[in-house]
Amino acid sequence: GAIGLVVYATFGEAVKSDFTENFDSGDSLLVVVRVMMTIVLLANFPLCMIPARNSLFNLVFQQFNIPMTTTLRLSITTGIVAFCLAVALAVENIGAVLTY
């Protein structure tokens, strides 16, 4: 929220979907921001994966009384990760995904 407002106030309509691209790539503070964003994403992805996997299990498998085994848990998780990877590889600009 607040970061988006500050970046928009600074660059106006010229703000790119990845706001870090608006700044000089050699800026040491920008390197720190990118490292911190990477850490947040690495910590956030598994936390989002658990409810996504449980929801997919409840929607698809639980209605047929299929138990959540380790193999099924790994298969569902691998499928979700593969889907996320496919979207990441197919979409050139993440801003296009985030607008939906």
Protein backbone atom coordinates (compact mmCIF):
# COMPACT_ATOMS: atom_id res chain seq x y z
CA GLY A 1 0.00 0.00 0.00
CA ALA A 2 2.29 2.75 1.23
CA ILE A 3 5.19 1.74 -1.01
CA GLY A 4 2.90 1.71 -4.03
CA LEU A 5 1.67 5.20 -3.22
CA VAL A 6 5.20 6.55 -2.82
CA VAL A 7 6.38 4.96 -6.07
CA TYR A 8 3.30 6.23 -7.93
CA ALA A 9 3.77 9.71 -6.47
CA THR A 10 7.40 9.64 -7.64
CA PHE A 11 6.94 8.27 -11.18
CA GLY A 12 3.27 8.90 -11.95
CA GLU A 13 1.93 7.11 -15.03
CA ALA A 14 5.44 5.88 -15.90
CA VAL A 15 5.40 3.28 -13.08
CA LYS A 16 6.24 -0.18 -14.40
CA SER A 17 4.52 -3.33 -13.11
CA ASP A 18 7.77 -4.23 -11.33
CA PHE A 19 8.36 -0.94 -9.56
CA THR A 20 12.04 -1.75 -8.97
CA GLU A 21 12.62 -1.35 -12.73
CA ASN A 22 11.92 2.37 -12.34
CA PHE A 23 15.07 2.83 -10.28
CA ASP A 24 18.76 2.63 -11.25
CA SER A 25 19.80 -1.05 -11.26
CA GLY A 26 23.14 -0.23 -9.63
CA ASP A 27 21.58 1.40 -6.57
CA SER A 28 22.73 -0.48 -3.44
CA LEU A 29 19.47 0.23 -1.62
CA LEU A 30 17.58 -1.32 -4.54
CA VAL A 31 19.70 -4.48 -4.21
CA VAL A 32 18.66 -4.69 -0.55
CA VAL A 33 15.00 -4.21 -1.53
CA ARG A 34 15.22 -7.00 -4.12
CA VAL A 35 16.91 -9.37 -1.64
CA MET A 36 14.22 -8.65 0.97
CA MET A 37 11.46 -9.16 -1.61
CA THR A 38 13.03 -12.50 -2.57
CA ILE A 39 13.11 -13.61 1.07
CA VAL A 40 9.46 -12.63 1.51
CA LEU A 41 8.42 -14.54 -1.61
CA LEU A 42 10.43 -17.63 -0.62
CA ALA A 43 8.76 -17.63 2.80
CA ASN A 44 5.30 -16.81 1.47
CA PHE A 45 5.02 -19.43 -1.29
CA PRO A 46 4.94 -22.48 1.06
CA LEU A 47 2.49 -20.71 3.35
CA CYS A 48 0.12 -20.17 0.43
CA MET A 49 0.65 -23.70 -0.86
CA ILE A 50 -0.84 -25.44 2.21
CA PRO A 51 -4.33 -23.89 1.99
CA ALA A 52 -4.30 -24.18 -1.81
CA ARG A 53 -3.48 -27.89 -1.58
CA ASN A 54 -6.11 -28.47 1.11
CA SER A 55 -8.75 -26.61 -0.89
CA LEU A 56 -7.99 -28.58 -4.04
CA PHE A 57 -8.13 -31.81 -2.05
CA ASN A 58 -11.49 -30.85 -0.52
CA LEU A 59 -12.95 -29.86 -3.89
CA VAL A 60 -11.74 -32.83 -5.92
CA PHE A 61 -10.81 -35.82 -3.78
CA GLN A 62 -12.72 -35.59 -0.52
CA GLN A 63 -16.10 -36.03 -2.21
CA PHE A 64 -14.96 -39.51 -3.30
CA ASN A 65 -13.72 -40.35 0.24
CA ILE A 66 -10.12 -40.58 -0.95
CA PRO A 67 -7.77 -40.21 2.03
CA MET A 68 -4.96 -37.65 2.04
CA THR A 69 -1.91 -39.88 1.77
CA THR A 70 1.67 -38.70 1.48
CA THR A 71 1.73 -39.64 -2.19
CA LEU A 72 -1.46 -37.70 -2.90
CA ARG A 73 -0.23 -34.71 -0.89
CA LEU A 74 3.03 -34.64 -2.88
CA SER A 75 1.18 -35.11 -6.17
CA ILE A 76 -1.24 -32.25 -5.52
CA THR A 77 1.58 -29.98 -4.36
CA THR A 78 3.71 -30.85 -7.38
CA GLY A 79 0.77 -30.16 -9.68
CA ILE A 80 0.15 -26.74 -8.14
CA VAL A 81 3.84 -25.83 -8.30
CA ALA A 82 4.01 -27.03 -11.92
CA PHE A 83 0.97 -24.88 -12.76
CA CYS A 84 2.57 -21.83 -11.11
CA LEU A 85 5.82 -22.49 -12.99
CA ALA A 86 3.95 -22.84 -16.30
CA VAL A 87 2.19 -19.51 -15.74
CA ALA A 88 5.50 -17.86 -14.79
CA LEU A 89 7.17 -19.17 -17.94
CA ALA A 90 4.25 -18.35 -20.24
CA VAL A 91 3.63 -14.80 -19.06
CA GLU A 92 6.27 -12.30 -20.02
CA ASN A 93 4.97 -9.48 -17.83
CA ILE A 94 3.78 -10.36 -14.31
CA GLY A 95 1.71 -7.20 -14.32
CA ALA A 96 -0.65 -8.89 -16.77
CA VAL A 97 -1.30 -11.66 -14.24
CA LEU A 98 -1.65 -9.33 -11.28
CA THR A 99 -4.33 -7.22 -12.96
CA TYR A 100 -6.75 -10.16 -12.78
